[in-house]
Amino acid sequence: MSGLTATPMRSDAAPDQAGELKDAFCAFSEVADRLRAAYEGLSASASRLDAELATANERLKGQVDELENLSGALAAVLRAIPCGVVVAGMDGVVVMANPAAERILGRKGRELIGSAAESLTDVDGRALLRLHEGPGAVAERMIATSDGARVVDGGVVTVTDTDGRELGVVEVLNDRSEVRALKEEVRRLDKLAELGRVAAIIAHEIRNPLSGIKGFASLLLRELEADKEHSGGVRFARRILEGADRADAIIDSVLFLARPRALALAVVDAETLLLDALEDVATAKPLAMRSVAVVRRIEPPGLEVVCDRVRLLQALVNLIQNAAEAMGGKGRLAVSAVASRDSVRFVVEDSGPGVPASLRARLFEPFFTTKTDGAGLGLALVARIAELHGGTITVGNADGGGAAFTLTVPSSQDPKEAFAS
């Protein structure tokens, strides 16, 4: 065709493109190889990390299981040990208390946990979870509970972490009430043994001349009553006889404490026994009973008790007389006899000032008294009579103030076994 001119193609164009493609392919292959190698390295690292993580998880699980087992064992130990353990944080809030602590403190765990530590106090008002005596020092205290007072000892220690930071305080409480009671019983028996030796001397050295004094005073009284000129001496002769009788009664009480005689058991009407005791006190101490309002309660009506009537009457007279004197001759006196499943409780309650907790442990000791003119034998005799009957005597607070003495004797006893120790 005319007018058209053909442009010749370069002969080296195709080889250049092929070379470039080859170089690009080689570069791609090299990158792919590096990526494959990196992937394989990452896969190997991931597998190694998975294995290490699985090992770490297994080790951690073992540690968790071990910690749970240790916590369970610790909890079991705290539940089993007889010592009370109370833990409080640095904010003064109780965070843990074991069952023994609940029993010793007389409060349930739900009442203790979350409460302020300073609410846990002894009878002197000192908070338990405080370092009163220095860290780790052991101090004996008395704690008032709903069922009476407990004697405890324990020490307070501070809990710290591994860096020495304080986390809280722990007090370990030991109930020493039974040990204290046993010590007091041993001490009481030692006193009674010594009293027995003294009583033999008293009976021999004092009673003989005392009998002479009483005999001569009786003769003198009869002569004075017959002699109108010396009738003014009658009063003094009677006072001599009264003093001799009182001294003889003290000697008899001491002898009974030391070497009591066998009980003469019989079935006795409880209401009659209380009425006789009230009448005896009103006759012997009319001033002490002049303005006393007496309330009686017998449950059930017609209640009977197996006892030595003379001795149990003596015990009730002593309790009623003490109650009347504690009220200064005016107030409310409640006497009751109540039957339970296996015992009879005689309760004497007054509206007087009550008995301080610090004195209750010694009230029933021979010769211990808070009276200026007392011999300290009345309550000791009550305790001895209760013991011989196989019963108990306790003292606490009456409703609305005052003291409440509870004399408990078994409902039934075998007269053959009711002999003095």
Protein backbone atom coordinates (compact mmCIF):
# COMPACT_ATOMS: atom_id res chain seq x y z
CA MET A 1 0.00 0.00 0.00
CA SER A 2 1.26 3.41 -0.81
CA GLY A 3 1.76 5.86 2.02
CA LEU A 4 2.31 3.24 4.79
CA THR A 5 5.73 2.61 6.22
CA ALA A 6 6.43 -0.51 8.42
CA THR A 7 8.34 0.01 11.72
CA PRO A 8 10.82 -2.75 12.31
CA MET A 9 10.69 -4.55 15.86
CA ARG A 10 13.78 -4.80 18.11
CA SER A 11 15.06 -8.28 18.14
CA ASP A 12 16.32 -8.20 21.84
CA ALA A 13 12.95 -7.15 23.48
CA ALA A 14 11.70 -10.68 24.16
CA PRO A 15 14.90 -11.92 25.80
CA ASP A 16 14.97 -8.89 28.19
CA GLN A 17 11.42 -9.48 29.41
CA ALA A 18 12.09 -13.13 29.95
CA GLY A 19 15.14 -12.29 32.05
CA GLU A 20 13.22 -9.86 34.18
CA LEU A 21 10.49 -12.42 34.78
CA LYS A 22 13.08 -14.98 35.71
CA ASP A 23 14.74 -12.62 38.16
CA ALA A 24 11.38 -11.71 39.68
CA PHE A 25 10.49 -15.38 40.03
CA CYS A 26 13.81 -16.13 41.69
CA ALA A 27 13.33 -13.22 44.09
CA PHE A 28 9.81 -14.43 44.83
CA SER A 29 11.03 -17.95 45.47
CA GLU A 30 13.73 -16.64 47.77
CA VAL A 31 11.17 -14.55 49.72
CA ALA A 32 8.81 -17.54 49.87
CA ASP A 33 11.65 -19.71 51.20
CA ARG A 34 12.43 -17.13 53.84
CA LEU A 35 8.75 -16.84 54.75
CA ARG A 36 8.49 -20.64 54.93
CA ALA A 37 11.55 -20.79 57.12
CA ALA A 38 10.20 -18.00 59.33
CA TYR A 39 6.82 -19.75 59.57
CA GLU A 40 8.47 -23.03 60.47
CA GLY A 41 10.55 -21.17 63.07
CA LEU A 42 7.44 -19.49 64.43
CA SER A 43 5.61 -22.82 64.44
CA ALA A 44 8.46 -24.42 66.32
CA SER A 45 8.54 -21.51 68.78
CA ALA A 46 4.77 -21.67 69.17
CA SER A 47 4.95 -25.41 69.78
CA ARG A 48 7.72 -24.90 72.29
CA LEU A 49 5.77 -22.10 73.99
CA ASP A 50 2.64 -24.29 74.01
CA ALA A 51 4.62 -27.06 75.64
CA GLU A 52 6.16 -24.67 78.17
CA LEU A 53 2.78 -23.09 78.83
CA ALA A 54 1.19 -26.51 79.30
CA THR A 55 3.98 -27.42 81.71
CA ALA A 56 3.57 -24.12 83.54
CA ASN A 57 -0.21 -24.62 83.68
CA GLU A 58 0.25 -28.12 85.01
CA ARG A 59 2.71 -26.85 87.61
CA LEU A 60 0.36 -23.99 88.51
CA LYS A 61 -2.57 -26.39 88.78
CA GLY A 62 -0.47 -28.57 91.06
CA GLN A 63 0.38 -25.54 93.20
CA VAL A 64 -3.29 -24.50 93.30
CA ASP A 65 -4.30 -28.04 94.30
CA GLU A 66 -1.55 -28.09 96.91
CA LEU A 67 -2.68 -24.70 98.21
CA GLU A 68 -6.30 -25.88 98.34
CA ASN A 69 -5.24 -29.05 100.15
CA LEU A 70 -3.14 -26.97 102.53
CA SER A 71 -6.03 -24.55 103.09
CA GLY A 72 -8.39 -27.46 103.67
CA ALA A 73 -5.95 -29.09 106.07
CA LEU A 74 -5.46 -25.78 107.89
CA ALA A 75 -9.22 -25.29 108.12
CA ALA A 76 -9.62 -28.85 109.42
CA VAL A 77 -6.90 -28.26 112.01
CA LEU A 78 -8.52 -24.99 113.12
CA ARG A 79 -11.86 -26.77 113.44
CA ALA A 80 -10.33 -29.62 115.43
CA ILE A 81 -8.02 -27.85 117.87
CA PRO A 82 -9.48 -27.03 121.31
CA CYS A 83 -7.84 -23.59 121.32
CA GLY A 84 -9.80 -20.61 120.09
CA VAL A 85 -8.30 -18.67 117.18
CA VAL A 86 -9.57 -15.19 116.32
CA VAL A 87 -8.09 -13.15 113.46
CA ALA A 88 -8.67 -9.45 112.83
CA GLY A 89 -7.39 -7.22 110.03
CA MET A 90 -5.51 -3.99 110.55
CA ASP A 91 -8.85 -2.19 110.25
CA GLY A 92 -9.92 -3.84 113.50
CA VAL A 93 -12.59 -6.10 111.95
CA VAL A 94 -12.72 -9.80 112.77
CA VAL A 95 -12.19 -11.90 109.63
CA MET A 96 -11.99 -15.41 111.07
CA ALA A 97 -12.94 -17.36 114.19
CA ASN A 98 -12.77 -21.12 114.61
CA PRO A 99 -15.46 -23.20 116.41
CA ALA A 100 -13.43 -23.31 119.64
CA ALA A 101 -13.35 -19.50 119.70
CA GLU A 102 -17.13 -19.45 119.23
CA ARG A 103 -17.54 -21.80 122.20
CA ILE A 104 -15.09 -19.94 124.45
CA LEU A 105 -16.49 -16.50 123.63
CA GLY A 106 -20.09 -17.71 123.70
CA ARG A 107 -20.88 -16.18 120.30
CA LYS A 108 -21.67 -17.65 116.90
CA GLY A 109 -19.29 -17.25 113.97
CA ARG A 110 -21.77 -15.10 112.09
CA GLU A 111 -21.81 -12.74 115.08
CA LEU A 112 -18.02 -12.62 115.33
CA ILE A 113 -16.97 -12.29 111.68
CA GLY A 114 -17.42 -8.73 110.50
CA SER A 115 -17.74 -7.34 114.02
CA ALA A 116 -15.36 -4.82 115.54
CA ALA A 117 -12.50 -6.50 117.40
CA GLU A 118 -12.82 -4.00 120.25
CA SER A 119 -16.29 -5.40 120.97
CA LEU A 120 -14.60 -8.58 122.26
CA THR A 121 -13.68 -7.69 125.82
CA ASP A 122 -12.98 -9.39 129.13
CA VAL A 123 -14.86 -8.63 132.35
CA ASP A 124 -12.51 -5.70 133.00
CA GLY A 125 -13.42 -4.11 129.66
CA ARG A 126 -10.08 -4.79 127.98
CA ALA A 127 -10.27 -5.67 124.28
CA LEU A 128 -8.94 -9.14 123.48
CA LEU A 129 -7.29 -8.45 120.14
CA ARG A 130 -4.88 -5.82 121.38
CA LEU A 131 -1.22 -6.14 122.29
CA HIS A 132 -1.78 -5.24 125.96
CA GLU A 133 1.05 -7.29 127.38
CA GLY A 134 3.43 -7.06 124.42
CA PRO A 135 3.61 -9.34 121.34
CA GLY A 136 3.32 -13.02 122.20
CA ALA A 137 2.83 -12.44 125.94
CA VAL A 138 0.34 -14.79 127.61
CA ALA A 139 -2.20 -13.21 129.95
CA GLU A 140 -5.03 -14.82 131.94
CA ARG A 141 -8.40 -13.13 131.70
CA MET A 142 -12.02 -13.74 132.60
CA ILE A 143 -14.68 -13.52 129.90
CA ALA A 144 -18.38 -13.20 130.65
CA THR A 145 -20.61 -15.40 128.47
CA SER A 146 -24.30 -16.23 128.38
CA ASP A 147 -23.68 -19.43 130.38
CA GLY A 148 -21.38 -17.87 132.97
CA ALA A 149 -17.82 -16.64 133.17
CA ARG A 150 -14.86 -18.40 131.58
CA VAL A 151 -11.22 -18.13 132.56
CA VAL A 152 -9.01 -18.00 129.47
CA ASP A 153 -5.39 -17.32 128.72
CA GLY A 154 -3.93 -16.40 125.38
CA GLY A 155 -1.42 -14.31 123.52
CA VAL A 156 -1.74 -11.85 120.66
CA VAL A 157 0.67 -11.87 117.71
CA THR A 158 0.91 -9.67 114.65
CA VAL A 159 0.68 -11.29 111.20
CA THR A 160 3.03 -9.92 108.52
CA ASP A 161 3.67 -10.71 104.84
CA THR A 162 7.04 -11.62 103.30
CA ASP A 163 7.95 -7.94 103.07
CA GLY A 164 7.25 -7.38 106.76
CA ARG A 165 4.06 -5.42 106.25
CA GLU A 166 1.46 -5.91 109.00
CA LEU A 167 -1.68 -7.70 107.82
CA GLY A 168 -3.56 -8.15 111.09
CA VAL A 169 -3.49 -9.70 114.55
CA VAL A 170 -4.24 -13.19 115.82
CA GLU A 171 -5.19 -14.21 119.36
CA VAL A 172 -5.06 -17.82 120.51
CA LEU A 173 -7.42 -18.48 123.45
CA ASN A 174 -7.16 -21.42 125.86
CA ASP A 175 -10.16 -22.18 128.06
CA ARG A 176 -8.69 -22.63 131.54
CA SER A 177 -12.04 -22.76 133.35
CA GLU A 178 -11.93 -26.49 134.08
CA VAL A 179 -8.27 -26.33 135.12
CA ARG A 180 -9.03 -23.38 137.39
CA ALA A 181 -12.05 -25.21 138.83
CA LEU A 182 -9.96 -28.33 139.49
CA LYS A 183 -7.25 -26.27 141.17
CA GLU A 184 -9.87 -24.57 143.32
CA GLU A 185 -11.35 -27.96 144.20
CA VAL A 186 -7.93 -29.33 145.19
CA ARG A 187 -7.30 -26.21 147.25
CA ARG A 188 -10.72 -26.55 148.89
CA LEU A 189 -10.13 -30.22 149.72
CA ASP A 190 -6.74 -29.36 151.18
CA LYS A 191 -8.44 -26.74 153.33
CA LEU A 192 -11.06 -29.22 154.47
CA ALA A 193 -8.37 -31.77 155.31
CA GLU A 194 -6.57 -29.18 157.40
CA LEU A 195 -9.91 -28.15 158.86
CA GLY A 196 -10.50 -31.74 159.91
CA ARG A 197 -7.32 -31.77 161.93
CA VAL A 198 -8.20 -28.44 163.52
CA ALA A 199 -11.76 -29.59 164.18
CA ALA A 200 -10.58 -32.51 166.30
CA ILE A 201 -8.59 -30.10 168.47
CA ILE A 202 -11.55 -27.70 168.69
CA ALA A 203 -13.94 -30.46 169.69
CA HIS A 204 -11.65 -31.58 172.50
CA GLU A 205 -10.23 -28.31 173.77
CA ILE A 206 -13.25 -26.01 173.47
CA ARG A 207 -16.39 -28.09 173.73
CA ASN A 208 -15.60 -29.50 177.16
CA PRO A 209 -15.21 -26.12 178.91
CA LEU A 210 -18.05 -24.74 176.78
CA SER A 211 -20.37 -27.44 178.11
CA GLY A 212 -19.40 -26.37 181.63
CA ILE A 213 -20.17 -22.74 180.83
CA LYS A 214 -23.59 -23.67 179.45
CA GLY A 215 -24.36 -25.86 182.49
CA PHE A 216 -23.42 -23.24 185.04
CA ALA A 217 -25.21 -20.48 183.06
CA SER A 218 -28.40 -22.59 183.05
CA LEU A 219 -28.17 -23.08 186.82
CA LEU A 220 -27.54 -19.36 187.29
CA LEU A 221 -30.53 -18.50 185.10
CA ARG A 222 -32.87 -20.73 187.11
CA GLU A 223 -31.69 -19.20 190.41
CA LEU A 224 -32.04 -15.66 189.10
CA GLU A 225 -35.53 -16.34 187.74
CA ALA A 226 -36.51 -17.70 191.18
CA ASP A 227 -34.87 -14.80 193.07
CA LYS A 228 -37.01 -11.71 192.59
CA GLU A 229 -34.35 -9.46 194.13
CA HIS A 230 -31.83 -10.29 191.41
CA SER A 231 -34.20 -10.63 188.47
CA GLY A 232 -32.21 -7.99 186.55
CA GLY A 233 -29.44 -10.52 186.04
CA VAL A 234 -31.73 -12.84 184.07
CA ARG A 235 -31.04 -10.97 180.85
CA PHE A 236 -27.28 -11.34 181.26
CA ALA A 237 -27.53 -15.05 182.06
CA ARG A 238 -29.59 -15.55 178.90
CA ARG A 239 -26.98 -13.68 176.89
CA ILE A 240 -24.31 -16.03 178.26
CA LEU A 241 -26.38 -19.02 177.15
CA GLU A 242 -27.01 -17.47 173.71
CA GLY A 243 -23.28 -16.83 173.25
CA ALA A 244 -22.44 -20.36 174.33
CA ASP A 245 -25.06 -21.78 171.95
CA ARG A 246 -23.68 -19.68 169.11
CA ALA A 247 -20.13 -20.86 169.82
CA ASP A 248 -21.39 -24.44 169.96
CA ALA A 249 -23.16 -23.97 166.61
CA ILE A 250 -19.94 -22.67 165.03
CA ILE A 251 -18.04 -25.69 166.34
CA ASP A 252 -20.77 -27.99 164.99
CA SER A 253 -20.56 -26.29 161.58
CA VAL A 254 -16.78 -26.68 161.48
CA LEU A 255 -17.06 -30.35 162.42
CA PHE A 256 -19.73 -30.88 159.75
CA LEU A 257 -17.57 -29.23 157.10
CA ALA A 258 -14.58 -31.35 157.97
CA ARG A 259 -16.23 -34.67 158.76
CA PRO A 260 -19.93 -34.68 157.79
CA ARG A 261 -22.24 -37.42 158.93
CA ALA A 262 -24.33 -39.67 156.70
CA LEU A 263 -27.47 -38.10 155.26
CA ALA A 264 -30.86 -39.18 156.55
CA LEU A 265 -32.78 -39.21 153.27
CA ALA A 266 -36.54 -38.97 153.06
CA VAL A 267 -39.23 -37.76 150.67
CA VAL A 268 -39.93 -34.12 151.52
CA ASP A 269 -42.53 -31.68 150.23
CA ALA A 270 -40.61 -28.84 148.56
CA GLU A 271 -43.15 -26.11 149.36
CA THR A 272 -43.26 -27.03 153.04
CA LEU A 273 -39.46 -26.98 153.13
CA LEU A 274 -39.37 -23.44 151.71
CA LEU A 275 -42.10 -22.22 154.08
CA ASP A 276 -40.22 -23.64 157.07
CA ALA A 277 -37.00 -21.98 155.93
CA LEU A 278 -38.73 -18.60 155.56
CA GLU A 279 -40.35 -18.97 158.99
CA ASP A 280 -37.03 -19.89 160.64
CA VAL A 281 -35.33 -16.80 159.19
CA ALA A 282 -38.25 -14.53 160.17
CA THR A 283 -38.11 -15.91 163.73
CA ALA A 284 -34.33 -15.73 164.12
CA LYS A 285 -33.80 -12.47 162.20
CA PRO A 286 -37.05 -10.47 162.42
CA LEU A 287 -35.34 -7.17 161.61
CA ALA A 288 -33.77 -8.62 158.46
CA MET A 289 -37.21 -9.67 157.17
CA ARG A 290 -39.28 -6.71 158.43
CA SER A 291 -39.83 -5.03 155.03
CA VAL A 292 -39.06 -7.85 152.62
CA ALA A 293 -41.68 -8.80 150.03
CA VAL A 294 -41.52 -12.57 149.54
CA VAL A 295 -42.58 -14.26 146.31
CA ARG A 296 -42.86 -18.07 146.19
CA ARG A 297 -43.06 -20.38 143.18
CA ILE A 298 -43.40 -24.18 143.10
CA GLU A 299 -43.38 -26.04 139.78
CA PRO A 300 -45.17 -28.34 139.56
CA PRO A 301 -47.51 -27.97 142.55
CA GLY A 302 -46.98 -30.75 145.08
CA LEU A 303 -43.31 -31.11 144.09
CA GLU A 304 -41.36 -33.54 146.28
CA VAL A 305 -37.63 -34.04 146.68
CA VAL A 306 -35.55 -36.84 148.22
CA CYS A 307 -33.17 -35.19 150.69
CA ASP A 308 -31.90 -34.90 154.23
CA ARG A 309 -34.59 -32.53 155.47
CA VAL A 310 -32.57 -31.07 158.36
CA ARG A 311 -29.48 -30.36 156.25
CA LEU A 312 -31.31 -29.03 153.19
CA LEU A 313 -33.44 -26.83 155.45
CA GLN A 314 -30.21 -25.51 156.99
CA ALA A 315 -28.85 -24.70 153.52
CA LEU A 316 -32.03 -22.85 152.48
CA VAL A 317 -32.11 -20.91 155.76
CA ASN A 318 -28.53 -19.76 155.17
CA LEU A 319 -29.32 -18.64 151.60
CA ILE A 320 -32.52 -16.79 152.59
CA GLN A 321 -30.87 -15.12 155.57
CA ASN A 322 -27.94 -13.94 153.42
CA ALA A 323 -30.35 -12.57 150.82
CA ALA A 324 -32.38 -10.66 153.44
CA GLU A 325 -29.24 -9.19 155.02
CA ALA A 326 -27.86 -8.22 151.59
CA MET A 327 -31.01 -6.15 150.98
CA GLY A 328 -30.75 -4.42 154.36
CA GLY A 329 -34.13 -5.75 155.48
CA LYS A 330 -36.13 -4.33 152.57
CA GLY A 331 -36.66 -5.35 148.98
CA ARG A 332 -37.97 -8.29 146.98
CA LEU A 333 -37.08 -11.89 147.82
CA ALA A 334 -38.07 -14.62 145.35
CA VAL A 335 -37.77 -18.27 146.40
CA SER A 336 -38.66 -21.12 144.10
CA ALA A 337 -38.48 -24.88 143.71
CA VAL A 338 -38.61 -26.07 140.12
CA ALA A 339 -38.41 -29.64 138.83
CA SER A 340 -36.47 -30.56 135.72
CA ARG A 341 -35.97 -33.95 134.08
CA ASP A 342 -33.52 -35.32 136.66
CA SER A 343 -33.15 -32.64 139.35
CA VAL A 344 -34.88 -30.09 141.55
CA ARG A 345 -33.62 -26.50 141.58
CA PHE A 346 -34.08 -24.31 144.65
CA VAL A 347 -33.49 -20.67 143.64
CA VAL A 348 -33.14 -17.74 146.05
CA GLU A 349 -33.11 -14.33 144.33
CA ASP A 350 -32.83 -10.92 145.98
CA SER A 351 -32.98 -7.30 144.84
CA GLY A 352 -29.77 -6.32 146.65
CA PRO A 353 -26.48 -5.12 145.19
CA GLY A 354 -25.50 -8.53 143.81
CA VAL A 355 -22.17 -10.35 144.03
CA PRO A 356 -19.15 -9.01 142.10
CA ALA A 357 -17.73 -11.51 139.60
CA SER A 358 -14.32 -11.25 141.27
CA LEU A 359 -15.73 -12.66 144.55
CA ARG A 360 -17.92 -15.47 143.24
CA ALA A 361 -15.14 -18.04 143.06
CA ARG A 362 -14.39 -17.62 146.79
CA LEU A 363 -17.91 -17.30 148.17
CA PHE A 364 -18.16 -20.95 149.18
CA GLU A 365 -14.75 -21.19 150.86
CA PRO A 366 -14.74 -21.82 154.62
CA PHE A 367 -14.12 -18.65 156.67
CA PHE A 368 -14.38 -16.32 153.64
CA THR A 369 -16.85 -13.52 154.33
CA THR A 370 -17.54 -9.92 153.37
CA LYS A 371 -19.53 -9.30 156.56
CA THR A 372 -17.97 -7.51 159.52
CA ASP A 373 -19.55 -9.92 162.01
CA GLY A 374 -19.69 -13.12 159.97
CA ALA A 375 -17.73 -16.34 160.53
CA GLY A 376 -17.67 -17.24 156.83
CA LEU A 377 -19.27 -20.66 157.34
CA GLY A 378 -22.82 -20.18 156.00
CA LEU A 379 -22.20 -20.54 152.29
CA ALA A 380 -19.44 -23.09 152.87
CA LEU A 381 -22.05 -25.24 154.66
CA VAL A 382 -24.48 -24.76 151.75
CA ALA A 383 -21.83 -25.97 149.31
CA ARG A 384 -21.01 -28.97 151.52
CA ILE A 385 -24.68 -29.92 151.88
CA ALA A 386 -25.20 -29.64 148.12
CA GLU A 387 -22.12 -31.79 147.51
CA LEU A 388 -23.31 -34.49 149.94
CA HIS A 389 -26.64 -34.62 148.10
CA GLY A 390 -24.80 -35.05 144.79
CA GLY A 391 -25.87 -31.58 143.72
CA THR A 392 -24.39 -28.16 143.08
CA ILE A 393 -24.63 -24.56 144.24
CA THR A 394 -24.07 -21.65 141.85
CA VAL A 395 -24.41 -17.89 142.03
CA GLY A 396 -25.30 -15.44 139.29
CA ASN A 397 -27.23 -12.25 138.62
CA ALA A 398 -30.94 -12.05 139.30
CA ASP A 399 -33.29 -10.46 136.79
CA GLY A 400 -33.25 -6.73 137.42
CA GLY A 401 -30.19 -6.85 139.66
CA GLY A 402 -29.28 -8.57 142.87
CA ALA A 403 -27.92 -12.07 143.37
CA ALA A 404 -29.43 -15.43 142.43
CA PHE A 405 -28.27 -18.57 144.25
CA THR A 406 -29.30 -21.88 142.70
CA LEU A 407 -29.10 -25.05 144.78
CA THR A 408 -29.63 -28.12 142.60
CA VAL A 409 -30.14 -31.64 143.95
CA PRO A 410 -30.95 -34.86 142.07
CA SER A 411 -34.64 -35.76 141.83
CA SER A 412 -34.06 -39.19 143.36
CA GLN A 413 -31.25 -40.70 145.37
CA ASP A 414 -30.36 -44.03 146.94
CA PRO A 415 -30.23 -43.61 150.74
CA LYS A 416 -27.60 -46.35 150.92
CA GLU A 417 -25.21 -44.25 148.87
CA ALA A 418 -25.76 -40.99 150.75
CA PHE A 419 -22.77 -41.19 153.05
CA ALA A 420 -20.21 -38.50 153.75
CA SER A 421 -16.87 -38.58 152.09
